[in-house]
Amino acid sequence: QTGVMQAVDIEDMFNLAHAFSCQPLPSGSNVAIVTNSGTLNISRPSSVTLEKMKEVLPRYASLYNPIDMLGDANADTYHKVLRAVAEDDVFHSILVILTPAANILEDVEKAAADIIELEKECDKPIITCFMGDHSTRKARRM
């Protein structure tokens, strides 16, 4: 109700402080969630963004929020979809959740590098959650 975020421990507090100090403030409350494995329901992309995503995603992917690109999404797919979402004025911030499947393990670091480049060009906060320990360690450090 008051907008206060409570950290569960000291590590969480420092992670939150770091994230908020490195990102712009969102201009509103709409969040886009982009993942290759999702089950949430948030804001809907605009029709222009939907058309851009239809060009790169399989017809059975979920194009609505959360945008579930499915398990076979590679770094190039993340790149194209995240750029479309970043350009969409419907969204004020972006949460990227990457759960690497065996077929994209080599793309995890490329996806992280693309997100870093997008963050430099984008005026929206981008928060990432790379699931997996060993398979995402280098990407998380990036």
N, C-alpha and C. Protein backbone atom coordinates (compact mmCIF):
# COMPACT_ATOMS: atom_id res chain seq x y z
N GLN A 1 0.81 -1.20 0.00
CA GLN A 1 0.00 0.00 0.00
C GLN A 1 0.85 1.26 0.00
N THR A 2 2.02 1.21 0.62
CA THR A 2 2.85 2.41 0.72
C THR A 2 3.99 2.42 -0.29
N GLY A 3 4.16 1.34 -1.06
CA GLY A 3 5.23 1.28 -2.05
C GLY A 3 6.56 0.82 -1.48
N VAL A 4 6.58 0.37 -0.25
CA VAL A 4 7.81 -0.09 0.38
C VAL A 4 8.06 -1.53 -0.02
N MET A 5 9.31 -1.81 -0.44
CA MET A 5 9.70 -3.18 -0.73
C MET A 5 10.52 -3.69 0.45
N GLN A 6 10.14 -4.83 0.96
CA GLN A 6 10.83 -5.38 2.12
C GLN A 6 11.79 -6.47 1.67
N ALA A 7 13.05 -6.34 2.07
CA ALA A 7 14.06 -7.35 1.77
C ALA A 7 13.93 -8.49 2.78
N VAL A 8 14.14 -9.71 2.30
CA VAL A 8 14.02 -10.86 3.21
C VAL A 8 15.31 -11.11 3.98
N ASP A 9 16.45 -10.63 3.48
CA ASP A 9 17.72 -10.75 4.19
C ASP A 9 18.68 -9.68 3.67
N ILE A 10 19.88 -9.63 4.21
CA ILE A 10 20.84 -8.59 3.85
C ILE A 10 21.28 -8.71 2.39
N GLU A 11 21.43 -9.95 1.90
CA GLU A 11 21.80 -10.15 0.50
C GLU A 11 20.71 -9.62 -0.43
N ASP A 12 19.47 -9.91 -0.09
CA ASP A 12 18.34 -9.42 -0.86
C ASP A 12 18.32 -7.89 -0.86
N MET A 13 18.60 -7.27 0.27
CA MET A 13 18.62 -5.82 0.38
C MET A 13 19.67 -5.22 -0.56
N PHE A 14 20.88 -5.80 -0.58
CA PHE A 14 21.92 -5.28 -1.45
C PHE A 14 21.59 -5.52 -2.93
N ASN A 15 20.98 -6.66 -3.25
CA ASN A 15 20.57 -6.92 -4.63
C ASN A 15 19.52 -5.90 -5.08
N LEU A 16 18.56 -5.60 -4.22
CA LEU A 16 17.54 -4.60 -4.56
C LEU A 16 18.16 -3.22 -4.72
N ALA A 17 19.04 -2.86 -3.80
CA ALA A 17 19.69 -1.54 -3.87
C ALA A 17 20.50 -1.41 -5.16
N HIS A 18 21.21 -2.48 -5.52
CA HIS A 18 21.99 -2.46 -6.76
C HIS A 18 21.08 -2.32 -7.97
N ALA A 19 20.03 -3.11 -8.03
CA ALA A 19 19.11 -3.06 -9.17
C ALA A 19 18.49 -1.68 -9.32
N PHE A 20 18.05 -1.09 -8.23
CA PHE A 20 17.39 0.22 -8.32
C PHE A 20 18.37 1.35 -8.60
N SER A 21 19.63 1.19 -8.22
CA SER A 21 20.61 2.25 -8.47
C SER A 21 21.11 2.22 -9.91
N CYS A 22 20.94 1.12 -10.61
CA CYS A 22 21.46 0.97 -11.97
C CYS A 22 20.39 1.10 -13.04
N GLN A 23 19.15 1.28 -12.67
CA GLN A 23 18.05 1.30 -13.62
C GLN A 23 17.28 2.61 -13.52
N PRO A 24 16.70 3.05 -14.63
CA PRO A 24 15.83 4.23 -14.55
C PRO A 24 14.55 3.87 -13.81
N LEU A 25 13.89 4.87 -13.27
CA LEU A 25 12.59 4.63 -12.64
C LEU A 25 11.56 4.38 -13.72
N PRO A 26 10.65 3.44 -13.50
CA PRO A 26 9.60 3.22 -14.51
C PRO A 26 8.67 4.42 -14.57
N SER A 27 8.15 4.70 -15.75
CA SER A 27 7.25 5.84 -15.90
C SER A 27 5.81 5.48 -15.54
N GLY A 28 5.56 4.23 -15.21
CA GLY A 28 4.23 3.77 -14.83
C GLY A 28 4.31 2.41 -14.18
N SER A 29 3.18 1.75 -14.04
CA SER A 29 3.16 0.49 -13.29
C SER A 29 3.01 -0.76 -14.16
N ASN A 30 3.00 -0.64 -15.49
CA ASN A 30 2.83 -1.80 -16.36
C ASN A 30 4.15 -2.52 -16.58
N VAL A 31 4.16 -3.81 -16.29
CA VAL A 31 5.36 -4.64 -16.40
C VAL A 31 5.16 -5.65 -17.52
N ALA A 32 6.17 -5.81 -18.37
CA ALA A 32 6.18 -6.88 -19.36
C ALA A 32 7.05 -8.00 -18.81
N ILE A 33 6.55 -9.21 -18.85
CA ILE A 33 7.34 -10.36 -18.42
C ILE A 33 7.63 -11.19 -19.66
N VAL A 34 8.91 -11.35 -19.97
CA VAL A 34 9.35 -12.11 -21.13
C VAL A 34 10.10 -13.33 -20.63
N THR A 35 9.64 -14.51 -21.00
CA THR A 35 10.22 -15.73 -20.47
C THR A 35 10.13 -16.87 -21.48
N ASN A 36 10.89 -17.90 -21.21
CA ASN A 36 10.72 -19.12 -22.01
C ASN A 36 10.01 -20.18 -21.18
N SER A 37 9.44 -19.76 -20.04
CA SER A 37 8.69 -20.68 -19.18
C SER A 37 7.88 -19.85 -18.19
N GLY A 38 6.60 -19.58 -18.48
CA GLY A 38 5.86 -18.67 -17.62
C GLY A 38 4.44 -19.12 -17.31
N THR A 39 3.89 -18.55 -16.18
CA THR A 39 2.52 -18.87 -15.79
C THR A 39 1.82 -17.69 -15.13
N LEU A 40 2.24 -16.46 -15.44
CA LEU A 40 1.63 -15.27 -14.82
C LEU A 40 0.70 -14.58 -15.80
N ASN A 41 -0.05 -13.58 -15.32
CA ASN A 41 -0.94 -12.82 -16.17
C ASN A 41 -0.83 -11.34 -15.81
N ILE A 42 -0.27 -10.54 -16.72
CA ILE A 42 -0.05 -9.12 -16.47
C ILE A 42 -0.58 -8.32 -17.69
N SER A 43 0.01 -7.14 -18.00
CA SER A 43 -0.43 -6.27 -19.10
C SER A 43 -0.30 -6.93 -20.47
N ARG A 44 -1.15 -6.51 -21.40
CA ARG A 44 -1.16 -7.06 -22.76
C ARG A 44 -0.34 -6.17 -23.70
N PRO A 45 0.46 -6.77 -24.61
CA PRO A 45 1.21 -5.97 -25.58
C PRO A 45 0.28 -5.29 -26.58
N SER A 46 0.77 -4.21 -27.19
CA SER A 46 -0.02 -3.52 -28.21
C SER A 46 -0.08 -4.36 -29.48
N SER A 47 -0.98 -4.01 -30.39
CA SER A 47 -1.13 -4.77 -31.63
C SER A 47 0.13 -4.70 -32.49
N VAL A 48 0.85 -3.58 -32.45
CA VAL A 48 2.09 -3.46 -33.22
C VAL A 48 3.14 -4.44 -32.68
N THR A 49 3.28 -4.52 -31.36
CA THR A 49 4.22 -5.45 -30.75
C THR A 49 3.81 -6.88 -31.03
N LEU A 50 2.54 -7.17 -30.97
CA LEU A 50 2.06 -8.52 -31.28
C LEU A 50 2.46 -8.93 -32.69
N GLU A 51 2.32 -8.03 -33.65
CA GLU A 51 2.69 -8.34 -35.04
C GLU A 51 4.19 -8.59 -35.16
N LYS A 52 5.02 -7.80 -34.46
CA LYS A 52 6.47 -8.00 -34.50
C LYS A 52 6.84 -9.37 -33.92
N MET A 53 6.19 -9.75 -32.83
CA MET A 53 6.50 -11.03 -32.20
C MET A 53 6.02 -12.20 -33.05
N LYS A 54 4.90 -12.03 -33.75
CA LYS A 54 4.39 -13.10 -34.61
C LYS A 54 5.38 -13.44 -35.72
N GLU A 55 6.22 -12.47 -36.10
CA GLU A 55 7.21 -12.70 -37.15
C GLU A 55 8.33 -13.63 -36.70
N VAL A 56 8.60 -13.70 -35.39
CA VAL A 56 9.75 -14.48 -34.91
C VAL A 56 9.39 -15.65 -34.00
N LEU A 57 8.18 -15.71 -33.51
CA LEU A 57 7.81 -16.77 -32.58
C LEU A 57 6.90 -17.80 -33.24
N PRO A 58 6.95 -19.05 -32.77
CA PRO A 58 6.04 -20.06 -33.32
C PRO A 58 4.59 -19.70 -33.01
N ARG A 59 3.66 -20.17 -33.83
CA ARG A 59 2.25 -19.80 -33.67
C ARG A 59 1.67 -20.28 -32.35
N TYR A 60 2.27 -21.27 -31.72
CA TYR A 60 1.76 -21.79 -30.45
C TYR A 60 2.39 -21.11 -29.23
N ALA A 61 3.25 -20.11 -29.44
CA ALA A 61 3.81 -19.34 -28.32
C ALA A 61 2.74 -18.42 -27.74
N SER A 62 2.87 -18.08 -26.46
CA SER A 62 1.93 -17.15 -25.83
C SER A 62 2.44 -15.73 -26.05
N LEU A 63 1.71 -14.94 -26.81
CA LEU A 63 2.13 -13.59 -27.13
C LEU A 63 1.62 -12.56 -26.13
N TYR A 64 0.80 -12.99 -25.22
CA TYR A 64 0.24 -12.07 -24.24
C TYR A 64 1.07 -12.16 -22.97
N ASN A 65 0.89 -11.24 -22.08
CA ASN A 65 1.75 -11.14 -20.92
C ASN A 65 1.34 -12.15 -19.86
N PRO A 66 2.20 -13.08 -19.40
CA PRO A 66 3.60 -13.12 -19.76
C PRO A 66 3.80 -13.62 -21.18
N ILE A 67 4.80 -13.07 -21.82
CA ILE A 67 5.15 -13.47 -23.17
C ILE A 67 6.00 -14.72 -23.06
N ASP A 68 5.40 -15.86 -23.31
CA ASP A 68 6.09 -17.15 -23.16
C ASP A 68 6.59 -17.59 -24.52
N MET A 69 7.89 -17.44 -24.74
CA MET A 69 8.50 -17.77 -26.02
C MET A 69 8.76 -19.26 -26.17
N LEU A 70 8.46 -20.03 -25.16
CA LEU A 70 8.62 -21.48 -25.13
C LEU A 70 10.10 -21.87 -24.94
N GLY A 71 10.31 -23.12 -24.61
CA GLY A 71 11.64 -23.60 -24.22
C GLY A 71 12.69 -23.58 -25.30
N ASP A 72 12.29 -23.52 -26.58
CA ASP A 72 13.29 -23.53 -27.64
C ASP A 72 13.71 -22.13 -28.08
N ALA A 73 13.32 -21.11 -27.34
CA ALA A 73 13.71 -19.73 -27.68
C ALA A 73 15.23 -19.59 -27.55
N ASN A 74 15.86 -19.04 -28.59
CA ASN A 74 17.30 -18.84 -28.54
C ASN A 74 17.61 -17.36 -28.31
N ALA A 75 18.89 -17.02 -28.31
CA ALA A 75 19.30 -15.64 -28.03
C ALA A 75 18.73 -14.68 -29.06
N ASP A 76 18.67 -15.09 -30.32
CA ASP A 76 18.12 -14.22 -31.36
C ASP A 76 16.64 -13.94 -31.12
N THR A 77 15.91 -14.95 -30.68
CA THR A 77 14.49 -14.77 -30.37
C THR A 77 14.34 -13.80 -29.20
N TYR A 78 15.13 -14.00 -28.13
CA TYR A 78 15.09 -13.06 -27.01
C TYR A 78 15.37 -11.65 -27.50
N HIS A 79 16.39 -11.50 -28.33
CA HIS A 79 16.79 -10.18 -28.84
C HIS A 79 15.62 -9.49 -29.55
N LYS A 80 14.99 -10.17 -30.49
CA LYS A 80 13.91 -9.57 -31.29
C LYS A 80 12.68 -9.27 -30.44
N VAL A 81 12.31 -10.21 -29.58
CA VAL A 81 11.12 -10.01 -28.76
C VAL A 81 11.35 -8.91 -27.73
N LEU A 82 12.51 -8.89 -27.08
CA LEU A 82 12.78 -7.84 -26.09
C LEU A 82 12.82 -6.47 -26.72
N ARG A 83 13.36 -6.34 -27.92
CA ARG A 83 13.37 -5.04 -28.60
C ARG A 83 11.94 -4.59 -28.91
N ALA A 84 11.09 -5.51 -29.35
CA ALA A 84 9.70 -5.15 -29.63
C ALA A 84 9.00 -4.70 -28.35
N VAL A 85 9.23 -5.40 -27.26
CA VAL A 85 8.61 -5.05 -25.98
C VAL A 85 9.15 -3.70 -25.48
N ALA A 86 10.45 -3.48 -25.62
CA ALA A 86 11.06 -2.22 -25.16
C ALA A 86 10.50 -1.02 -25.91
N GLU A 87 10.15 -1.21 -27.17
CA GLU A 87 9.60 -0.11 -27.98
C GLU A 87 8.11 0.12 -27.73
N ASP A 88 7.47 -0.77 -27.01
CA ASP A 88 6.02 -0.70 -26.78
C ASP A 88 5.73 0.23 -25.59
N ASP A 89 5.00 1.30 -25.85
CA ASP A 89 4.67 2.27 -24.79
C ASP A 89 3.70 1.73 -23.76
N VAL A 90 3.08 0.57 -24.03
CA VAL A 90 2.18 -0.04 -23.06
C VAL A 90 2.95 -0.43 -21.79
N PHE A 91 4.21 -0.80 -21.97
CA PHE A 91 5.00 -1.30 -20.84
C PHE A 91 5.94 -0.23 -20.29
N HIS A 92 6.08 -0.22 -18.97
CA HIS A 92 6.94 0.75 -18.30
C HIS A 92 8.20 0.10 -17.73
N SER A 93 8.22 -1.21 -17.61
CA SER A 93 9.39 -1.94 -17.13
C SER A 93 9.32 -3.36 -17.69
N ILE A 94 10.47 -4.05 -17.66
CA ILE A 94 10.56 -5.38 -18.25
C ILE A 94 11.23 -6.33 -17.28
N LEU A 95 10.61 -7.49 -17.08
CA LEU A 95 11.21 -8.57 -16.31
C LEU A 95 11.51 -9.70 -17.27
N VAL A 96 12.78 -10.08 -17.37
CA VAL A 96 13.20 -11.15 -18.27
C VAL A 96 13.53 -12.38 -17.42
N ILE A 97 12.85 -13.48 -17.71
CA ILE A 97 13.12 -14.73 -17.01
C ILE A 97 13.63 -15.73 -18.04
N LEU A 98 14.86 -16.21 -17.86
CA LEU A 98 15.45 -17.16 -18.79
C LEU A 98 15.72 -18.47 -18.05
N THR A 99 15.13 -19.53 -18.54
CA THR A 99 15.36 -20.87 -18.01
C THR A 99 15.98 -21.67 -19.14
N PRO A 100 17.30 -21.85 -19.13
CA PRO A 100 17.95 -22.46 -20.30
C PRO A 100 17.57 -23.93 -20.49
N ALA A 101 17.22 -24.24 -21.71
CA ALA A 101 17.00 -25.63 -22.11
C ALA A 101 18.28 -26.13 -22.75
N ALA A 102 18.41 -27.42 -22.90
CA ALA A 102 19.64 -28.01 -23.43
C ALA A 102 20.01 -27.45 -24.80
N ASN A 103 19.03 -27.11 -25.61
CA ASN A 103 19.31 -26.65 -26.97
C ASN A 103 19.77 -25.19 -27.04
N ILE A 104 19.70 -24.44 -25.94
CA ILE A 104 20.11 -23.03 -26.00
C ILE A 104 21.17 -22.68 -24.97
N LEU A 105 21.80 -23.67 -24.36
CA LEU A 105 22.79 -23.37 -23.33
C LEU A 105 23.89 -22.45 -23.84
N GLU A 106 24.33 -22.63 -25.09
CA GLU A 106 25.39 -21.79 -25.63
C GLU A 106 24.90 -20.37 -25.90
N ASP A 107 23.61 -20.15 -25.94
CA ASP A 107 23.04 -18.83 -26.22
C ASP A 107 22.81 -17.97 -24.97
N VAL A 108 22.99 -18.53 -23.80
CA VAL A 108 22.66 -17.81 -22.57
C VAL A 108 23.50 -16.54 -22.44
N GLU A 109 24.80 -16.65 -22.67
CA GLU A 109 25.67 -15.47 -22.56
C GLU A 109 25.36 -14.45 -23.66
N LYS A 110 25.04 -14.91 -24.86
CA LYS A 110 24.66 -13.98 -25.93
C LYS A 110 23.37 -13.26 -25.57
N ALA A 111 22.42 -13.97 -25.00
CA ALA A 111 21.17 -13.33 -24.56
C ALA A 111 21.47 -12.27 -23.50
N ALA A 112 22.35 -12.58 -22.57
CA ALA A 112 22.72 -11.61 -21.52
C ALA A 112 23.39 -10.38 -22.14
N ALA A 113 24.29 -10.59 -23.09
CA ALA A 113 24.97 -9.47 -23.75
C ALA A 113 23.96 -8.60 -24.50
N ASP A 114 23.00 -9.22 -25.17
CA ASP A 114 21.96 -8.46 -25.88
C ASP A 114 21.11 -7.64 -24.92
N ILE A 115 20.79 -8.21 -23.76
CA ILE A 115 20.00 -7.49 -22.76
C ILE A 115 20.79 -6.30 -22.24
N ILE A 116 22.08 -6.47 -22.03
CA ILE A 116 22.94 -5.37 -21.56
C ILE A 116 22.95 -4.24 -22.59
N GLU A 117 23.07 -4.59 -23.87
CA GLU A 117 23.04 -3.57 -24.93
C GLU A 117 21.69 -2.87 -24.99
N LEU A 118 20.62 -3.63 -24.87
CA LEU A 118 19.28 -3.04 -24.89
C LEU A 118 19.10 -2.08 -23.72
N GLU A 119 19.61 -2.45 -22.57
CA GLU A 119 19.49 -1.59 -21.38
C GLU A 119 20.13 -0.24 -21.61
N LYS A 120 21.20 -0.19 -22.38
CA LYS A 120 21.89 1.09 -22.67
C LYS A 120 21.03 2.00 -23.55
N GLU A 121 20.16 1.40 -24.36
CA GLU A 121 19.34 2.17 -25.31
C GLU A 121 17.94 2.44 -24.79
N CYS A 122 17.52 1.71 -23.77
CA CYS A 122 16.14 1.72 -23.31
C CYS A 122 15.98 2.61 -22.09
N ASP A 123 14.88 3.34 -22.01
CA ASP A 123 14.63 4.19 -20.85
C ASP A 123 13.73 3.51 -19.82
N LYS A 124 13.56 2.19 -19.96
CA LYS A 124 12.75 1.42 -19.03
C LYS A 124 13.66 0.52 -18.19
N PRO A 125 13.32 0.31 -16.93
CA PRO A 125 14.12 -0.64 -16.15
C PRO A 125 13.94 -2.06 -16.69
N ILE A 126 15.05 -2.78 -16.76
CA ILE A 126 15.04 -4.17 -17.19
C ILE A 126 15.66 -5.00 -16.07
N ILE A 127 14.88 -5.89 -15.51
CA ILE A 127 15.35 -6.77 -14.45
C ILE A 127 15.41 -8.18 -15.02
N THR A 128 16.48 -8.90 -14.72
CA THR A 128 16.62 -10.25 -15.24
C THR A 128 16.64 -11.28 -14.13
N CYS A 129 16.18 -12.46 -14.48
CA CYS A 129 16.24 -13.62 -13.60
C CYS A 129 16.66 -14.80 -14.48
N PHE A 130 17.92 -15.18 -14.37
CA PHE A 130 18.42 -16.31 -15.14
C PHE A 130 18.42 -17.51 -14.22
N MET A 131 17.54 -18.47 -14.52
CA MET A 131 17.38 -19.66 -13.69
C MET A 131 18.48 -20.65 -14.00
N GLY A 132 18.90 -21.40 -13.00
CA GLY A 132 19.95 -22.40 -13.20
C GLY A 132 21.23 -21.92 -12.56
N ASP A 133 21.99 -22.84 -12.06
CA ASP A 133 23.23 -22.47 -11.37
C ASP A 133 24.39 -22.42 -12.35
N HIS A 134 24.96 -23.54 -12.63
CA HIS A 134 26.16 -23.60 -13.47
C HIS A 134 25.89 -23.09 -14.89
N SER A 135 24.74 -23.43 -15.47
CA SER A 135 24.46 -23.09 -16.86
C SER A 135 24.26 -21.60 -17.11
N THR A 136 23.99 -20.82 -16.07
CA THR A 136 23.77 -19.38 -16.26
C THR A 136 24.76 -18.52 -15.46
N ARG A 137 25.71 -19.13 -14.81
CA ARG A 137 26.62 -18.40 -13.93
C ARG A 137 27.33 -17.24 -14.64
N LYS A 138 27.93 -17.49 -15.80
CA LYS A 138 28.64 -16.42 -16.52
C LYS A 138 27.68 -15.32 -16.95
N ALA A 139 26.52 -15.71 -17.43
CA ALA A 139 25.53 -14.72 -17.87
C ALA A 139 25.06 -13.87 -16.71
N ARG A 140 24.83 -14.48 -15.55
CA ARG A 140 24.39 -13.72 -14.38
C ARG A 140 25.47 -12.75 -13.94
N ARG A 141 26.72 -13.13 -14.03
CA ARG A 141 27.82 -12.22 -13.66
C ARG A 141 27.88 -11.02 -14.61
N MET A 142 27.54 -11.26 -15.87
CA MET A 142 27.53 -10.17 -16.84
C MET A 142 26.51 -9.12 -16.42
